[in-house]
């Protein structure tokens, strides 16, 4: 596809998913297992393999998305930041618009918002059951696998099958984000929601992750002159690394300041003695 405004809108929508996610640390503490950090890999790499190898998997996933995404988007009212709660509460109206109004860029965008809200709910719940360091590793591994699957032409046929699949009972298709000629996989937005869960406790890290993801996604689009399909997980990984770099420097600065304070306190105590 050409590099156009529709692609840019999806990239910005993916980046905007990050600041929507409320800190999972505010939920009740439960035992968390590091292996659950591999959920991004299962959702993206494993999903592509399963959809390409299991007969009927695309139809099943399409039906699941049609029925599960709308209630998840409404449940997102419990998982988005306070300023975004009205958007989550309006998600049933967005879904009705997608279902009942003629297909247009606006109805496609409304459907994309419903998918983003559902991804936010799942992303925060994943951040609740999986430790942040394990999730960060899972995001990087999932990105590496996604790049490999795109370059080895495993993703293309699956993406085409998902785009062509029709949900049952005339329900709107919510298995991937679409806007005119552009499309983005469900897993790409889910990965952005996971990044939001990872950085949610720090406003600075959230801002850096959001901006870096948006810029990386817009820059990645320049490769459409060479490739027909791009791994939309890459901008999320870039955003996470950028946020990690900022947080690492801040933690190091705090450590140095704390060390200086301790030294100053010891010197003062020694002089008083």
Foldseek 3Di string as FASTA:
>chain_A
DAQDVFLLVVLLLLLVLQQFFAALVVDDADAADLVLLLVLQCVFVVVLVCLLPPPPPLQVLQQCCLPPLQVLLLVLLVTTPVVCNVVSVCLVVLQVCLQPPPDDQSNLVSLVSSLSSSLLSVLSVSLRRHPLVSNLVNLVVNLVSLQVCQVVVSVVVSVVSNVPHDHPPSGGGNQWRDGVPDIGGSSLSSLSSNLSNNCNVPPVLSVQLSVQLSVVSSVQSVCVVPGVDDRSSVSNNRSSVRSVVVVVVVVVVVVVVVVVVVVVVVVVVVVVD
